[in-house]
Amino acid sequence: MFHIVLVEPEIPHNAGAAGRLALATGSMLHLVKPLGFSLDDKHVRRTGLDYWREVDLRVWESFDELKKSADTDAGFWLLSTKASANPWQAKFKPGDYLVFGRETRGLTAEWVADAGDRALRIPMSPGGTRSLNLSTAIAIILYEAVRQQNPDW
């Protein structure tokens, strides 16, 4: 199982897509506050997330709180356009955390620098676009991690 972590997500549909990806892969979804949307039943239903109750979801007050709860051997992979390593070089293992920042700002440069070779950037054609949609980025990284563990999946 992998952990999808959204730090301060702003757009409910992206969190919903991450929840769908978590269900499809047997992963857990972590949301780190503050959230840019409400998780109450009425709001979740309005955004069309009829499967939301099935998502293995944890909500955290801070990223530090999440990290303290993680197994000591779990790896944390930070995804950012500011990183230089690509995900095809990463060696993911079950229990790893795939960490994504807020849609408008991403993760801080300090977090990315501190992550070293555990900061990953999805390769893109120069001049094409500055970033991908958050749910697209999650799908790319999550399925690469799953593929490494289950090559026949």
C-alpha atoms as a PDB file:
ATOM      1  CA  MET A   1       0.000   0.000   0.000  1.00  0.00           C
ATOM      2  CA  PHE A   2       1.104   3.529  -0.771  1.00  0.00           C
ATOM      3  CA  HIS A   3       0.144   6.806   0.872  1.00  0.00           C
ATOM      4  CA  ILE A   4      -1.028   9.778  -1.188  1.00  0.00           C
ATOM      5  CA  VAL A   5      -0.451  13.020   0.720  1.00  0.00           C
ATOM      6  CA  LEU A   6      -2.026  16.315  -0.309  1.00  0.00           C
ATOM      7  CA  VAL A   7      -0.557  19.228   1.632  1.00  0.00           C
ATOM      8  CA  GLU A   8      -3.056  22.092   1.939  1.00  0.00           C
ATOM      9  CA  PRO A   9      -5.181  21.066  -1.068  1.00  0.00           C
ATOM     10  CA  GLU A  10      -7.387  23.808  -2.463  1.00  0.00           C
ATOM     11  CA  ILE A  11      -9.646  22.163  -5.044  1.00  0.00           C
ATOM     12  CA  PRO A  12     -12.182  19.534  -3.934  1.00  0.00           C
ATOM     13  CA  HIS A  13     -12.292  17.808  -7.319  1.00  0.00           C
ATOM     14  CA  ASN A  14      -8.546  17.135  -7.170  1.00  0.00           C
ATOM     15  CA  ALA A  15      -8.927  15.600  -3.706  1.00  0.00           C
ATOM     16  CA  GLY A  16     -11.825  13.570  -5.076  1.00  0.00           C
ATOM     17  CA  ALA A  17      -9.710  12.310  -7.976  1.00  0.00           C
ATOM     18  CA  ALA A  18      -6.935  11.432  -5.496  1.00  0.00           C
ATOM     19  CA  GLY A  19      -9.509   9.499  -3.463  1.00  0.00           C
ATOM     20  CA  ARG A  20     -10.577   7.591  -6.574  1.00  0.00           C
ATOM     21  CA  LEU A  21      -6.915   6.761  -7.307  1.00  0.00           C
ATOM     22  CA  ALA A  22      -6.471   5.601  -3.708  1.00  0.00           C
ATOM     23  CA  LEU A  23      -9.446   3.252  -4.069  1.00  0.00           C
ATOM     24  CA  ALA A  24      -8.207   1.932  -7.421  1.00  0.00           C
ATOM     25  CA  THR A  25      -4.771   1.074  -6.015  1.00  0.00           C
ATOM     26  CA  GLY A  26      -5.512   0.116  -2.411  1.00  0.00           C
ATOM     27  CA  SER A  27      -3.719   3.238  -1.177  1.00  0.00           C
ATOM     28  CA  MET A  28      -4.469   5.585   1.713  1.00  0.00           C
ATOM     29  CA  LEU A  29      -5.229   9.279   1.192  1.00  0.00           C
ATOM     30  CA  HIS A  30      -3.889  11.872   3.646  1.00  0.00           C
ATOM     31  CA  LEU A  31      -5.059  15.491   3.626  1.00  0.00           C
ATOM     32  CA  VAL A  32      -2.967  18.025   5.539  1.00  0.00           C
ATOM     33  CA  LYS A  33      -4.778  21.134   6.784  1.00  0.00           C
ATOM     34  CA  PRO A  34      -5.706  23.793   6.046  1.00  0.00           C
ATOM     35  CA  LEU A  35      -8.070  22.501   3.373  1.00  0.00           C
ATOM     36  CA  GLY A  36      -9.515  24.820   0.755  1.00  0.00           C
ATOM     37  CA  PHE A  37     -12.874  23.039   0.954  1.00  0.00           C
ATOM     38  CA  SER A  38     -15.208  21.313   3.379  1.00  0.00           C
ATOM     39  CA  LEU A  39     -15.361  17.568   3.947  1.00  0.00           C
ATOM     40  CA  ASP A  40     -18.885  17.566   5.354  1.00  0.00           C
ATOM     41  CA  ASP A  41     -21.309  15.081   3.756  1.00  0.00           C
ATOM     42  CA  LYS A  42     -23.388  17.731   1.985  1.00  0.00           C
ATOM     43  CA  HIS A  43     -20.364  19.356   0.328  1.00  0.00           C
ATOM     44  CA  VAL A  44     -18.788  16.034  -0.660  1.00  0.00           C
ATOM     45  CA  ARG A  45     -22.052  14.819  -2.240  1.00  0.00           C
ATOM     46  CA  ARG A  46     -22.401  18.103  -4.148  1.00  0.00           C
ATOM     47  CA  THR A  47     -19.002  17.579  -5.811  1.00  0.00           C
ATOM     48  CA  GLY A  48     -20.083  14.124  -6.994  1.00  0.00           C
ATOM     49  CA  LEU A  49     -17.888  12.089  -4.687  1.00  0.00           C
ATOM     50  CA  ASP A  50     -20.384   9.291  -4.086  1.00  0.00           C
ATOM     51  CA  TYR A  51     -17.569   6.838  -3.295  1.00  0.00           C
ATOM     52  CA  TRP A  52     -15.904   9.151  -0.715  1.00  0.00           C
ATOM     53  CA  ARG A  53     -16.985   7.048   2.293  1.00  0.00           C
ATOM     54  CA  GLU A  54     -15.005   4.103   0.916  1.00  0.00           C
ATOM     55  CA  VAL A  55     -11.729   6.058   0.749  1.00  0.00           C
ATOM     56  CA  ASP A  56      -9.179   5.181   3.440  1.00  0.00           C
ATOM     57  CA  LEU A  57      -8.756   8.807   4.520  1.00  0.00           C
ATOM     58  CA  ARG A  58      -6.772  10.546   7.249  1.00  0.00           C
ATOM     59  CA  VAL A  59      -6.886  14.281   7.895  1.00  0.00           C
ATOM     60  CA  TRP A  60      -3.945  15.905   9.684  1.00  0.00           C
ATOM     61  CA  GLU A  61      -3.465  19.236  11.408  1.00  0.00           C
ATOM     62  CA  SER A  62       0.115  19.466  10.106  1.00  0.00           C
ATOM     63  CA  PHE A  63       2.659  17.652   7.967  1.00  0.00           C
ATOM     64  CA  ASP A  64       4.845  17.179  11.052  1.00  0.00           C
ATOM     65  CA  GLU A  65       1.978  15.366  12.781  1.00  0.00           C
ATOM     66  CA  LEU A  66       1.638  13.027   9.788  1.00  0.00           C
ATOM     67  CA  LYS A  67       5.395  12.345   9.662  1.00  0.00           C
ATOM     68  CA  LYS A  68       5.505  11.514  13.373  1.00  0.00           C
ATOM     69  CA  SER A  69       2.800   8.880  12.878  1.00  0.00           C
ATOM     70  CA  ALA A  70       4.535   7.182   9.932  1.00  0.00           C
ATOM     71  CA  ASP A  71       6.515   3.971  10.222  1.00  0.00           C
ATOM     72  CA  THR A  72      10.194   4.757  10.694  1.00  0.00           C
ATOM     73  CA  ASP A  73      11.162   2.846   7.530  1.00  0.00           C
ATOM     74  CA  ALA A  74       8.619   4.631   5.312  1.00  0.00           C
ATOM     75  CA  GLY A  75      10.043   6.781   2.550  1.00  0.00           C
ATOM     76  CA  PHE A  76       8.738  10.248   1.794  1.00  0.00           C
ATOM     77  CA  TRP A  77       8.850  11.287  -1.867  1.00  0.00           C
ATOM     78  CA  LEU A  78       8.135  14.964  -2.545  1.00  0.00           C
ATOM     79  CA  LEU A  79       6.797  15.898  -5.974  1.00  0.00           C
ATOM     80  CA  SER A  80       7.639  19.310  -7.362  1.00  0.00           C
ATOM     81  CA  THR A  81       8.415  21.158 -10.557  1.00  0.00           C
ATOM     82  CA  LYS A  82      11.380  22.533  -8.543  1.00  0.00           C
ATOM     83  CA  ALA A  83      12.996  19.073  -8.212  1.00  0.00           C
ATOM     84  CA  SER A  84      15.581  17.622 -10.591  1.00  0.00           C
ATOM     85  CA  ALA A  85      15.349  13.817 -10.157  1.00  0.00           C
ATOM     86  CA  ASN A  86      12.718  12.010 -12.177  1.00  0.00           C
ATOM     87  CA  PRO A  87      10.362   9.280 -10.931  1.00  0.00           C
ATOM     88  CA  TRP A  88      11.762   6.624 -13.283  1.00  0.00           C
ATOM     89  CA  GLN A  89      14.972   6.657 -11.196  1.00  0.00           C
ATOM     90  CA  ALA A  90      13.140   6.288  -7.865  1.00  0.00           C
ATOM     91  CA  LYS A  91      12.918   2.962  -6.065  1.00  0.00           C
ATOM     92  CA  PHE A  92       9.501   3.041  -4.417  1.00  0.00           C
ATOM     93  CA  LYS A  93       8.566   0.529  -1.751  1.00  0.00           C
ATOM     94  CA  PRO A  94       5.255  -0.379  -0.113  1.00  0.00           C
ATOM     95  CA  GLY A  95       4.389   2.027   2.677  1.00  0.00           C
ATOM     96  CA  ASP A  96       6.033   5.011   1.003  1.00  0.00           C
ATOM     97  CA  TYR A  97       4.401   8.438   1.092  1.00  0.00           C
ATOM     98  CA  LEU A  98       3.922  10.380  -2.145  1.00  0.00           C
ATOM     99  CA  VAL A  99       3.681  14.045  -1.133  1.00  0.00           C
ATOM    100  CA  PHE A 100       2.068  16.726  -3.299  1.00  0.00           C
ATOM    101  CA  GLY A 101       1.684  20.435  -2.534  1.00  0.00           C
ATOM    102  CA  ARG A 102      -1.195  22.821  -2.996  1.00  0.00           C
ATOM    103  CA  GLU A 103      -2.357  23.480  -6.518  1.00  0.00           C
ATOM    104  CA  THR A 104      -1.355  27.149  -6.692  1.00  0.00           C
ATOM    105  CA  ARG A 105       2.053  27.031  -4.996  1.00  0.00           C
ATOM    106  CA  GLY A 106       3.229  23.444  -4.706  1.00  0.00           C
ATOM    107  CA  LEU A 107       5.643  22.499  -1.946  1.00  0.00           C
ATOM    108  CA  THR A 108       8.091  25.041  -0.572  1.00  0.00           C
ATOM    109  CA  ALA A 109      11.562  25.274  -2.095  1.00  0.00           C
ATOM    110  CA  GLU A 110      12.964  24.511   1.362  1.00  0.00           C
ATOM    111  CA  TRP A 111      11.049  21.215   1.631  1.00  0.00           C
ATOM    112  CA  VAL A 112      12.169  20.236  -1.871  1.00  0.00           C
ATOM    113  CA  ALA A 113      15.817  21.053  -1.116  1.00  0.00           C
ATOM    114  CA  ASP A 114      15.685  19.156   2.185  1.00  0.00           C
ATOM    115  CA  ALA A 115      14.300  16.079   0.392  1.00  0.00           C
ATOM    116  CA  GLY A 116      17.416  15.803  -1.792  1.00  0.00           C
ATOM    117  CA  ASP A 117      17.116  12.873  -4.208  1.00  0.00           C
ATOM    118  CA  ARG A 118      13.680  12.089  -2.767  1.00  0.00           C
ATOM    119  CA  ALA A 119      12.325  15.183  -4.506  1.00  0.00           C
ATOM    120  CA  LEU A 120      10.970  14.194  -7.900  1.00  0.00           C
ATOM    121  CA  ARG A 121       9.873  16.097 -10.986  1.00  0.00           C
ATOM    122  CA  ILE A 122       7.706  14.644 -13.739  1.00  0.00           C
ATOM    123  CA  PRO A 123       9.538  15.283 -17.026  1.00  0.00           C
ATOM    124  CA  MET A 124       7.764  17.600 -19.473  1.00  0.00           C
ATOM    125  CA  SER A 125       8.650  18.966 -22.870  1.00  0.00           C
ATOM    126  CA  PRO A 126      10.434  22.347 -22.599  1.00  0.00           C
ATOM    127  CA  GLY A 127       8.096  25.248 -23.280  1.00  0.00           C
ATOM    128  CA  GLY A 128       5.007  23.028 -23.217  1.00  0.00           C
ATOM    129  CA  THR A 129       3.516  23.882 -19.828  1.00  0.00           C
ATOM    130  CA  ARG A 130       4.817  24.800 -16.397  1.00  0.00           C
ATOM    131  CA  SER A 131       2.920  22.059 -14.540  1.00  0.00           C
ATOM    132  CA  LEU A 132       0.362  19.263 -14.752  1.00  0.00           C
ATOM    133  CA  ASN A 133      -3.017  19.026 -13.082  1.00  0.00           C
ATOM    134  CA  LEU A 134      -2.568  17.674  -9.557  1.00  0.00           C
ATOM    135  CA  SER A 135      -4.665  14.547 -10.107  1.00  0.00           C
ATOM    136  CA  THR A 136      -2.742  13.775 -13.305  1.00  0.00           C
ATOM    137  CA  ALA A 137       0.576  14.097 -11.453  1.00  0.00           C
ATOM    138  CA  ILE A 138      -0.685  11.847  -8.657  1.00  0.00           C
ATOM    139  CA  ALA A 139      -1.769   9.200 -11.161  1.00  0.00           C
ATOM    140  CA  ILE A 140       1.599   9.192 -12.939  1.00  0.00           C
ATOM    141  CA  ILE A 141       3.633   8.798  -9.747  1.00  0.00           C
ATOM    142  CA  LEU A 142       1.263   6.430  -7.958  1.00  0.00           C
ATOM    143  CA  TYR A 143       1.003   4.042 -10.890  1.00  0.00           C
ATOM    144  CA  GLU A 144       4.791   4.030 -11.341  1.00  0.00           C
ATOM    145  CA  ALA A 145       5.132   3.078  -7.663  1.00  0.00           C
ATOM    146  CA  VAL A 146       2.463   0.380  -8.041  1.00  0.00           C
ATOM    147  CA  ARG A 147       4.060  -0.889 -11.275  1.00  0.00           C
ATOM    148  CA  GLN A 148       7.388  -1.353  -9.505  1.00  0.00           C
ATOM    149  CA  GLN A 149       5.706  -3.552  -6.893  1.00  0.00           C
ATOM    150  CA  ASN A 150       3.287  -5.377  -9.219  1.00  0.00           C
ATOM    151  CA  PRO A 151       4.824  -5.557 -12.708  1.00  0.00           C
ATOM    152  CA  ASP A 152       2.086  -7.927 -13.941  1.00  0.00           C
ATOM    153  CA  TRP A 153      -0.787  -5.795 -12.648  1.00  0.00           C
END
